[in-house]
Amino acid sequence: MLINLVLVLGLTILVTFGLTGHVIHFSDGLFQKLFLLKFIMLITIIQGVVLLTRRWRQKWLTFELVPVTRTRHWFSWWIFSGALLILVGYFLLLASFWTKANFGLLTPEQIVYNLRQPMTGVDDGFINSFIGGPVLGAITCLISVFLFCNYIRHLQLLVTHKITHHLELKAKRFVLVSALLFCGLTTVAAIKIDAVGFYEYLTANSPFIEENYVAPNKTKLTFPKQKRNLIYIYAESLESTATSREMGGQMKTNLLPELTALAEQEGVHFSNSNRSFGGAQQLPGTGWAVAGMVAQTSGLPLKVPVDGNSYATDKKNHFLPGVTSLNNILDKHGYQQKILLGSDATFGGRRSYFTQHGNVQIDDLLTARKDGRLPEDYYVWWGYEDSKLFEYAKESALELSKLDQPFNLTMLTENTHHIGGYPEPDMPEKYGDQYSNVIAFSDHQIVEFIK
């Protein structure tokens, strides 16, 4: 029983790490005294039942595996087809768990959009994690199931209890069982990724945009004679959720003390509740990085393209050519515009969107390598860390300020990207988990840059 207890705990740690990437420590809930005591009692009861069942079986039943006398080929298309069904179902299940662990509950429009985009610039860690998780797991499943079932189809199971039963694996029956297993695995995966939401996304219709959108190219916009400069900071995954529950967030303590203090003293903050920092109401098609950037600069979500719009999935297409964005407007009124990104701007269509709307100069990871600011092989996290981004932004702001034209300096931070964020070497460790520390450090970096 003790050996089995150790094995079960070990397998629990391995399975948890395989599905979520999280290593269980002795400080986690699994090893709390009360829970561990209940766990040991449960395993003891299960082991007792297993021992009693084994005694009963040995007394009343006899099992024997004997080779099948008929000659059979080593390869069976029926067995392979069944194993392939299990492979697909198991892959979808693993992929749904991997997706949930890495990105939370993705929205249908986010998945549809990213499937249509090239993967250039994506963090290699995500690709390696997917290959080492769902892909490798599904291939292992296919090989194991096929070899095992192909082997046992040459055997018969004799069950003796006064009457002898011959239980032989039938290939066609195996395909039927595989189909049922496929349906079960696929159903669980569908629930995990909210398949109902996909259906609603593809079939629902809403007049919201038609009734509320104001086209800027058909609206009179008045600029002051002395135009103001604009510095626009997109902070990846940094939201009001990181404030305390009392303030309107979801944390025990406020992880954004400097930003909230700055907003209260000399800023404007929008809240969807009666709490001081509730945050904006997030609408469909605006909930991931490039979608948020498009929504904030154009007033439109990233939904299925209509009326000749596209997502620039190749060089022949343009990114939402029918859209007039903030960058288009500023370009028309003489602004010099630049966007800094610590990653490859190609990912997610960001390069296409900003260069085709307002002629924005791109300064990303590739630019920093090309002009010698970074070595050609430099790569951490999604490209380079935020501390470098803020230093480059200071230099760019000074350069742009020397021009006779007004400027728009836009930047996108990356340190707070899920999962876990990127901990810089000089990051203080105020909290018990890495992601909270990364969020708090980003809060400090942004306010320091603003000041």
Protein backbone atom coordinates (compact mmCIF):
# COMPACT_ATOMS: atom_id res chain seq x y z
CA MET A 1 0.00 0.00 0.00
CA LEU A 2 2.81 2.39 0.89
CA ILE A 3 4.60 1.61 -2.37
CA ASN A 4 1.40 2.26 -4.28
CA LEU A 5 0.87 5.50 -2.36
CA VAL A 6 4.33 6.73 -3.40
CA LEU A 7 3.67 5.65 -7.00
CA VAL A 8 0.31 7.45 -7.11
CA LEU A 9 1.83 10.65 -5.69
CA GLY A 10 4.69 10.42 -8.19
CA LEU A 11 2.30 9.87 -11.11
CA THR A 12 0.13 12.76 -9.89
CA ILE A 13 3.16 15.08 -9.98
CA LEU A 14 4.18 13.85 -13.46
CA VAL A 15 0.66 14.05 -14.93
CA THR A 16 0.11 17.54 -13.45
CA PHE A 17 3.41 18.71 -14.91
CA GLY A 18 2.57 17.15 -18.30
CA LEU A 19 -0.87 18.79 -18.51
CA THR A 20 -0.18 22.18 -16.94
CA GLY A 21 3.59 22.60 -16.85
CA HIS A 22 3.30 23.24 -13.11
CA VAL A 23 5.53 21.26 -10.73
CA ILE A 24 3.75 20.40 -7.49
CA HIS A 25 5.76 21.39 -4.41
CA PHE A 26 5.37 20.36 -0.79
CA SER A 27 4.01 23.84 -0.10
CA ASP A 28 1.04 23.26 -2.45
CA GLY A 29 -2.45 22.26 -1.37
CA LEU A 30 -1.84 18.60 -2.30
CA PHE A 31 0.53 18.23 0.65
CA GLN A 32 -1.50 20.02 3.30
CA LYS A 33 -1.79 17.75 6.35
CA LEU A 34 -5.58 17.31 6.34
CA PHE A 35 -5.74 16.70 2.59
CA LEU A 36 -2.78 14.29 2.71
CA LEU A 37 -4.43 12.34 5.56
CA LYS A 38 -7.67 12.03 3.57
CA PHE A 39 -5.65 11.00 0.53
CA ILE A 40 -3.85 8.23 2.43
CA MET A 41 -7.16 6.97 3.88
CA LEU A 42 -8.74 6.91 0.42
CA ILE A 43 -5.79 5.00 -1.09
CA THR A 44 -5.89 2.55 1.83
CA ILE A 45 -9.60 1.85 1.27
CA ILE A 46 -9.07 1.42 -2.47
CA GLN A 47 -6.15 -0.95 -1.86
CA GLY A 48 -8.25 -2.99 0.59
CA VAL A 49 -11.01 -3.35 -2.01
CA VAL A 50 -8.43 -4.37 -4.63
CA LEU A 51 -6.96 -7.04 -2.32
CA LEU A 52 -10.39 -8.49 -1.47
CA THR A 53 -11.35 -8.52 -5.16
CA ARG A 54 -8.11 -10.27 -6.02
CA ARG A 55 -8.70 -12.95 -3.36
CA TRP A 56 -12.24 -13.52 -4.67
CA ARG A 57 -11.03 -13.75 -8.26
CA GLN A 58 -8.27 -16.22 -7.40
CA LYS A 59 -10.81 -18.43 -5.62
CA TRP A 60 -13.62 -18.41 -8.18
CA LEU A 61 -12.15 -17.33 -11.52
CA THR A 62 -9.24 -18.44 -13.66
CA PHE A 63 -7.83 -16.30 -16.48
CA GLU A 64 -5.50 -17.59 -19.18
CA LEU A 65 -4.10 -16.04 -22.34
CA VAL A 66 -3.52 -18.50 -25.17
CA PRO A 67 -2.31 -17.84 -28.76
CA VAL A 68 -4.90 -17.84 -31.52
CA THR A 69 -4.39 -20.79 -33.80
CA ARG A 70 -5.34 -18.99 -37.02
CA THR A 71 -2.53 -17.36 -39.00
CA ARG A 72 -2.82 -13.56 -39.12
CA HIS A 73 -0.89 -10.76 -40.77
CA TRP A 74 1.13 -8.58 -38.46
CA PHE A 75 -0.61 -5.43 -39.79
CA SER A 76 -4.35 -4.79 -39.64
CA TRP A 77 -5.97 -1.77 -41.27
CA TRP A 78 -8.93 -2.15 -38.91
CA ILE A 79 -6.68 -1.97 -35.84
CA PHE A 80 -4.76 0.95 -37.35
CA SER A 81 -8.00 2.81 -38.15
CA GLY A 82 -9.21 2.37 -34.58
CA ALA A 83 -5.87 3.50 -33.17
CA LEU A 84 -6.01 6.53 -35.50
CA LEU A 85 -9.43 7.49 -34.14
CA ILE A 86 -8.07 7.29 -30.60
CA LEU A 87 -5.05 9.35 -31.71
CA VAL A 88 -7.25 12.19 -33.04
CA GLY A 89 -9.46 12.20 -29.95
CA TYR A 90 -6.50 12.08 -27.59
CA PHE A 91 -4.73 14.85 -29.52
CA LEU A 92 -7.80 17.10 -29.32
CA LEU A 93 -8.08 16.40 -25.59
CA LEU A 94 -4.40 17.18 -24.93
CA ALA A 95 -4.57 20.26 -27.16
CA SER A 96 -7.60 21.58 -25.26
CA PHE A 97 -5.83 21.11 -21.90
CA TRP A 98 -2.65 22.70 -23.30
CA THR A 99 -4.61 25.66 -24.65
CA LYS A 100 -6.45 26.19 -21.38
CA ALA A 101 -3.22 25.94 -19.36
CA ASN A 102 -1.29 28.34 -21.62
CA PHE A 103 -3.92 30.89 -22.62
CA GLY A 104 -6.94 30.40 -20.37
CA LEU A 105 -10.32 30.29 -22.10
CA LEU A 106 -9.68 31.51 -25.64
CA THR A 107 -12.49 33.18 -27.54
CA PRO A 108 -13.57 31.75 -30.92
CA GLU A 109 -12.57 34.90 -32.80
CA GLN A 110 -9.06 34.74 -31.30
CA ILE A 111 -8.54 31.15 -32.43
CA VAL A 112 -10.00 31.82 -35.91
CA TYR A 113 -7.81 34.92 -36.30
CA ASN A 114 -4.55 33.27 -35.21
CA LEU A 115 -5.16 30.21 -37.40
CA ARG A 116 -5.27 32.58 -40.38
CA GLN A 117 -2.04 34.35 -39.44
CA PRO A 118 1.56 33.23 -40.10
CA MET A 119 3.45 32.08 -36.99
CA THR A 120 6.45 34.35 -37.72
CA GLY A 121 7.69 35.97 -34.52
CA VAL A 122 5.91 33.69 -32.07
CA ASP A 123 7.83 32.62 -28.97
CA ASP A 124 9.60 29.29 -29.69
CA GLY A 125 8.71 28.11 -26.19
CA PHE A 126 5.03 27.87 -27.09
CA ILE A 127 5.74 25.88 -30.27
CA ASN A 128 8.14 23.53 -28.47
CA SER A 129 5.64 23.11 -25.64
CA PHE A 130 2.89 22.19 -28.12
CA ILE A 131 5.09 19.73 -30.00
CA GLY A 132 6.37 18.16 -26.78
CA GLY A 133 2.85 17.99 -25.31
CA PRO A 134 -0.19 17.31 -27.54
CA VAL A 135 1.72 16.29 -30.70
CA LEU A 136 4.22 13.93 -29.05
CA GLY A 137 1.54 12.57 -26.70
CA ALA A 138 -0.82 11.78 -29.59
CA ILE A 139 1.91 10.05 -31.63
CA THR A 140 2.93 7.99 -28.59
CA CYS A 141 -0.72 7.08 -28.06
CA LEU A 142 -1.08 5.93 -31.70
CA ILE A 143 2.02 3.73 -31.61
CA SER A 144 1.24 2.24 -28.19
CA VAL A 145 -2.43 1.45 -28.92
CA PHE A 146 -1.67 -0.01 -32.34
CA LEU A 147 1.19 -2.24 -31.17
CA PHE A 148 -0.68 -3.42 -28.07
CA CYS A 149 -3.95 -4.19 -29.86
CA ASN A 150 -2.14 -5.76 -32.81
CA TYR A 151 -0.36 -8.04 -30.35
CA ILE A 152 -3.35 -9.11 -28.27
CA ARG A 153 -5.42 -9.89 -31.37
CA HIS A 154 -3.19 -12.97 -31.67
CA LEU A 155 -4.32 -14.07 -28.19
CA GLN A 156 -7.49 -15.37 -26.59
CA LEU A 157 -8.58 -14.77 -23.01
CA LEU A 158 -10.03 -17.90 -21.34
CA VAL A 159 -12.27 -17.10 -18.38
CA THR A 160 -13.11 -20.20 -16.32
CA HIS A 161 -15.88 -20.31 -13.74
CA LYS A 162 -17.67 -23.60 -14.28
CA ILE A 163 -18.14 -22.43 -17.90
CA THR A 164 -15.25 -21.51 -20.21
CA HIS A 165 -15.62 -18.26 -22.21
CA HIS A 166 -13.40 -17.43 -25.17
CA LEU A 167 -12.86 -13.66 -25.40
CA GLU A 168 -11.05 -12.74 -28.59
CA LEU A 169 -10.29 -9.21 -29.84
CA LYS A 170 -12.28 -8.59 -33.01
CA ALA A 171 -10.81 -5.86 -35.19
CA LYS A 172 -14.18 -4.44 -36.29
CA ARG A 173 -15.42 -4.36 -32.71
CA PHE A 174 -12.26 -2.52 -31.75
CA VAL A 175 -13.01 0.16 -34.35
CA LEU A 176 -16.49 0.57 -32.86
CA VAL A 177 -15.06 0.94 -29.35
CA SER A 178 -12.45 3.38 -30.73
CA ALA A 179 -15.21 5.46 -32.33
CA LEU A 180 -17.07 5.65 -29.01
CA LEU A 181 -13.84 6.59 -27.22
CA PHE A 182 -13.15 9.23 -29.90
CA CYS A 183 -16.60 10.75 -29.33
CA GLY A 184 -16.00 10.85 -25.56
CA LEU A 185 -12.55 12.45 -25.82
CA THR A 186 -13.75 14.95 -28.42
CA THR A 187 -16.73 15.93 -26.26
CA VAL A 188 -14.48 16.67 -23.29
CA ALA A 189 -12.14 18.69 -25.54
CA ALA A 190 -15.10 20.60 -27.00
CA ILE A 191 -16.31 21.53 -23.52
CA LYS A 192 -12.80 22.68 -22.62
CA ILE A 193 -12.55 25.10 -25.57
CA ASP A 194 -16.20 26.19 -25.44
CA ALA A 195 -17.40 24.64 -28.72
CA VAL A 196 -20.85 26.10 -28.08
CA GLY A 197 -19.23 29.53 -28.23
CA PHE A 198 -17.77 28.62 -31.63
CA TYR A 199 -21.21 27.74 -32.91
CA GLU A 200 -22.67 30.99 -31.61
CA TYR A 201 -19.74 32.92 -33.10
CA LEU A 202 -20.32 31.44 -36.55
CA THR A 203 -24.12 31.74 -36.53
CA ALA A 204 -25.03 34.75 -34.35
CA ASN A 205 -25.64 38.21 -35.77
CA SER A 206 -25.57 41.54 -33.96
CA PRO A 207 -26.38 45.10 -35.10
CA PHE A 208 -24.14 46.57 -32.37
CA ILE A 209 -21.39 47.89 -34.67
CA GLU A 210 -23.87 49.11 -37.27
CA GLU A 211 -25.80 51.07 -34.64
CA ASN A 212 -22.86 52.44 -32.63
CA TYR A 213 -19.82 52.81 -34.89
CA VAL A 214 -18.93 56.35 -35.93
CA ALA A 215 -16.82 56.42 -39.10
CA PRO A 216 -13.96 58.93 -38.54
CA ASN A 217 -13.46 59.48 -42.29
CA LYS A 218 -17.04 60.81 -42.42
CA THR A 219 -16.81 62.86 -39.21
CA LYS A 220 -15.43 66.37 -38.79
CA LEU A 221 -12.36 66.31 -36.54
CA THR A 222 -10.90 69.56 -35.21
CA PHE A 223 -7.26 69.80 -34.11
CA PRO A 224 -5.81 72.71 -32.07
CA LYS A 225 -3.27 74.99 -33.75
CA GLN A 226 -0.59 73.74 -31.34
CA LYS A 227 -0.90 69.99 -31.72
CA ARG A 228 0.05 67.84 -28.74
CA ASN A 229 2.39 64.87 -28.83
CA LEU A 230 1.03 61.44 -28.01
CA ILE A 231 2.81 58.62 -26.15
CA TYR A 232 0.70 55.46 -26.21
CA ILE A 233 1.74 52.45 -24.10
CA TYR A 234 0.17 49.04 -24.68
CA ALA A 235 1.01 46.88 -21.67
CA GLU A 236 0.62 43.21 -22.56
CA SER A 237 -1.91 41.42 -20.29
CA LEU A 238 -1.78 44.27 -17.77
CA GLU A 239 -5.31 45.07 -16.65
CA SER A 240 -7.40 46.23 -13.73
CA THR A 241 -7.76 42.61 -12.63
CA ALA A 242 -4.33 43.04 -11.02
CA THR A 243 -5.73 45.52 -8.48
CA SER A 244 -7.26 44.44 -5.17
CA ARG A 245 -10.85 43.25 -4.82
CA GLU A 246 -11.67 46.36 -2.79
CA MET A 247 -10.56 48.52 -5.73
CA GLY A 248 -12.48 46.45 -8.28
CA GLY A 249 -9.83 43.89 -9.26
CA GLN A 250 -9.36 40.20 -8.43
CA MET A 251 -6.23 40.14 -6.25
CA LYS A 252 -5.81 40.02 -2.50
CA THR A 253 -3.42 42.96 -2.71
CA ASN A 254 -3.04 45.70 -5.30
CA LEU A 255 -0.24 44.68 -7.69
CA LEU A 256 -0.37 48.08 -9.45
CA PRO A 257 0.22 50.56 -6.61
CA GLU A 258 2.17 53.10 -8.67
CA LEU A 259 -0.15 53.16 -11.70
CA THR A 260 -3.29 53.43 -9.56
CA ALA A 261 -1.72 56.23 -7.50
CA LEU A 262 -0.74 58.06 -10.69
CA ALA A 263 -4.26 57.63 -12.11
CA GLU A 264 -5.86 58.99 -8.94
CA GLN A 265 -3.52 61.98 -8.71
CA GLU A 266 -3.33 63.22 -12.29
CA GLY A 267 -5.01 60.75 -14.63
CA VAL A 268 -8.38 59.62 -15.90
CA HIS A 269 -9.52 56.05 -15.35
CA PHE A 270 -12.58 54.30 -16.77
CA SER A 271 -14.42 51.71 -14.72
CA ASN A 272 -17.32 49.42 -15.58
CA SER A 273 -18.40 49.27 -11.92
CA ASN A 274 -18.83 51.50 -8.90
CA ARG A 275 -15.35 50.50 -7.70
CA SER A 276 -12.46 52.88 -8.27
CA PHE A 277 -10.56 50.60 -10.70
CA GLY A 278 -13.07 48.19 -12.19
CA GLY A 279 -11.75 48.39 -15.74
CA ALA A 280 -13.34 48.63 -19.16
CA GLN A 281 -15.99 46.22 -20.34
CA GLN A 282 -14.24 43.94 -22.82
CA LEU A 283 -16.24 43.25 -25.96
CA PRO A 284 -15.86 40.23 -28.29
CA GLY A 285 -12.99 40.52 -30.75
CA THR A 286 -10.88 42.77 -28.50
CA GLY A 287 -9.45 40.35 -25.95
CA TRP A 288 -5.90 39.60 -27.16
CA ALA A 289 -2.89 41.77 -27.97
CA VAL A 290 -3.30 42.71 -31.63
CA ALA A 291 -7.11 42.75 -31.29
CA GLY A 292 -6.80 45.23 -28.42
CA MET A 293 -4.41 47.39 -30.45
CA VAL A 294 -6.77 47.40 -33.44
CA ALA A 295 -9.82 48.08 -31.26
CA GLN A 296 -8.20 50.99 -29.40
CA THR A 297 -6.95 52.65 -32.58
CA SER A 298 -9.92 51.97 -34.88
CA GLY A 299 -12.96 51.47 -32.65
CA LEU A 300 -13.56 48.09 -34.31
CA PRO A 301 -13.06 44.49 -33.14
CA LEU A 302 -11.17 41.78 -34.99
CA LYS A 303 -14.09 39.77 -36.32
CA VAL A 304 -14.59 37.84 -39.56
CA PRO A 305 -13.61 40.31 -42.36
CA VAL A 306 -16.49 41.85 -44.28
CA ASP A 307 -16.93 44.31 -47.16
CA GLY A 308 -13.58 43.59 -48.77
CA ASN A 309 -11.49 43.78 -45.60
CA SER A 310 -8.81 41.22 -44.88
CA TYR A 311 -6.09 40.40 -42.33
CA ALA A 312 -3.07 40.62 -44.69
CA THR A 313 -2.35 36.89 -44.47
CA ASP A 314 -0.09 37.25 -47.52
CA LYS A 315 1.68 40.04 -49.43
CA LYS A 316 -1.22 40.49 -51.84
CA ASN A 317 -3.71 41.42 -49.11
CA HIS A 318 -3.95 44.52 -46.93
CA PHE A 319 -4.81 44.60 -43.25
CA LEU A 320 -8.35 45.97 -42.91
CA PRO A 321 -8.00 48.38 -45.86
CA GLY A 322 -11.49 49.80 -45.28
CA VAL A 323 -10.61 50.98 -41.76
CA THR A 324 -9.63 54.53 -40.78
CA SER A 325 -7.53 54.30 -37.61
CA LEU A 326 -6.08 56.80 -35.17
CA ASN A 327 -2.76 56.43 -36.99
CA ASN A 328 -4.40 57.31 -40.32
CA ILE A 329 -5.83 60.47 -38.76
CA LEU A 330 -2.55 61.54 -37.12
CA ASP A 331 -0.63 60.88 -40.34
CA LYS A 332 -3.09 63.07 -42.26
CA HIS A 333 -2.48 65.90 -39.75
CA GLY A 334 1.30 65.80 -40.03
CA TYR A 335 2.35 63.57 -37.13
CA GLN A 336 5.61 61.60 -37.16
CA GLN A 337 4.74 58.11 -35.89
CA LYS A 338 6.79 55.28 -34.49
CA ILE A 339 5.98 52.03 -32.69
CA LEU A 340 8.44 50.09 -30.53
CA LEU A 341 7.99 46.36 -29.90
CA GLY A 342 10.33 44.00 -28.06
CA SER A 343 9.23 41.17 -30.37
CA ASP A 344 9.00 40.56 -34.11
CA ALA A 345 6.30 42.95 -35.36
CA THR A 346 5.26 40.44 -38.04
CA PHE A 347 3.52 38.22 -35.49
CA GLY A 348 -0.25 38.61 -35.45
CA GLY A 349 -0.25 41.01 -38.40
CA ARG A 350 0.98 43.99 -36.37
CA ARG A 351 3.56 45.04 -38.95
CA SER A 352 0.95 45.05 -41.70
CA TYR A 353 -1.61 46.96 -39.64
CA PHE A 354 0.65 49.79 -38.52
CA THR A 355 2.62 50.25 -41.75
CA GLN A 356 -0.56 50.24 -43.87
CA HIS A 357 -2.45 52.58 -41.54
CA GLY A 358 -0.66 55.87 -41.03
CA ASN A 359 2.78 54.92 -42.35
CA VAL A 360 4.05 54.14 -38.83
CA GLN A 361 7.79 53.46 -38.50
CA ILE A 362 8.42 50.00 -37.00
CA ASP A 363 11.16 49.56 -34.40
CA ASP A 364 11.07 45.94 -33.24
CA LEU A 365 13.43 43.08 -32.38
CA LEU A 366 14.58 42.77 -36.01
CA THR A 367 15.30 46.52 -36.18
CA ALA A 368 17.36 46.43 -32.97
CA ARG A 369 19.42 43.55 -34.35
CA LYS A 370 19.86 45.23 -37.72
CA ASP A 371 21.13 48.59 -36.38
CA GLY A 372 23.50 46.95 -33.89
CA ARG A 373 21.72 47.74 -30.62
CA LEU A 374 21.44 44.01 -30.03
CA PRO A 375 23.51 41.02 -31.19
CA GLU A 376 22.08 39.21 -34.23
CA ASP A 377 21.24 36.12 -32.16
CA TYR A 378 19.79 37.99 -29.15
CA TYR A 379 16.50 36.47 -27.99
CA VAL A 380 14.84 36.32 -24.58
CA TRP A 381 11.16 35.71 -23.88
CA TRP A 382 9.41 37.11 -27.02
CA GLY A 383 12.45 39.05 -28.23
CA TYR A 384 14.03 41.48 -25.79
CA GLU A 385 13.00 42.51 -22.30
CA ASP A 386 11.01 45.62 -21.29
CA SER A 387 13.92 47.36 -19.56
CA LYS A 388 15.55 47.70 -22.99
CA LEU A 389 12.22 48.75 -24.53
CA PHE A 390 11.85 51.67 -22.12
CA GLU A 391 15.43 52.81 -22.73
CA TYR A 392 14.90 52.72 -26.50
CA ALA A 393 11.60 54.59 -26.02
CA LYS A 394 13.37 57.38 -24.09
CA GLU A 395 15.89 57.73 -26.91
CA SER A 396 13.13 57.76 -29.53
CA ALA A 397 11.09 60.35 -27.61
CA LEU A 398 14.12 62.67 -27.47
CA GLU A 399 14.80 62.22 -31.19
CA LEU A 400 11.17 62.83 -32.16
CA SER A 401 10.93 65.89 -29.91
CA LYS A 402 13.67 67.62 -31.92
CA LEU A 403 11.53 67.57 -35.08
CA ASP A 404 9.28 70.43 -36.13
CA GLN A 405 6.31 68.08 -36.40
CA PRO A 406 4.16 66.64 -33.60
CA PHE A 407 4.78 62.95 -32.90
CA ASN A 408 3.01 59.78 -31.83
CA LEU A 409 5.28 57.31 -30.02
CA THR A 410 3.57 53.96 -29.45
CA MET A 411 5.09 51.02 -27.57
CA LEU A 412 4.13 47.48 -26.57
CA THR A 413 5.54 45.83 -23.45
CA GLU A 414 5.94 42.03 -23.32
CA ASN A 415 7.24 41.04 -19.86
CA THR A 416 3.73 40.43 -18.51
CA HIS A 417 2.75 38.02 -21.29
CA HIS A 418 1.23 34.79 -20.02
CA ILE A 419 2.43 32.20 -18.85
CA GLY A 420 4.25 33.43 -15.78
CA GLY A 421 5.74 36.51 -17.39
CA TYR A 422 9.44 37.25 -17.82
CA PRO A 423 11.39 37.92 -14.59
CA GLU A 424 14.22 40.35 -15.24
CA PRO A 425 17.38 39.89 -13.15
CA ASP A 426 16.83 43.06 -11.06
CA MET A 427 13.12 42.37 -10.47
CA PRO A 428 12.19 42.60 -6.74
CA GLU A 429 10.42 39.54 -5.33
CA LYS A 430 7.68 41.02 -3.16
CA TYR A 431 5.12 38.24 -3.66
CA GLY A 432 5.00 34.47 -3.51
CA ASP A 433 4.60 33.78 -7.22
CA GLN A 434 6.55 34.90 -10.27
CA TYR A 435 3.68 36.38 -12.27
CA SER A 436 2.64 38.73 -9.46
CA ASN A 437 6.23 39.94 -9.17
CA VAL A 438 6.45 40.50 -12.94
CA ILE A 439 3.20 42.51 -12.92
CA ALA A 440 4.36 44.62 -9.97
CA PHE A 441 7.72 45.27 -11.64
CA SER A 442 6.03 46.28 -14.90
CA ASP A 443 3.87 48.69 -12.87
CA HIS A 444 7.05 50.30 -11.55
CA GLN A 445 8.77 50.38 -14.97
CA ILE A 446 5.83 52.10 -16.69
CA VAL A 447 5.41 54.78 -14.03
CA GLU A 448 9.15 55.39 -13.93
CA PHE A 449 9.12 55.89 -17.72
CA ILE A 450 6.13 58.25 -17.52
CA LYS A 451 7.80 60.38 -14.84
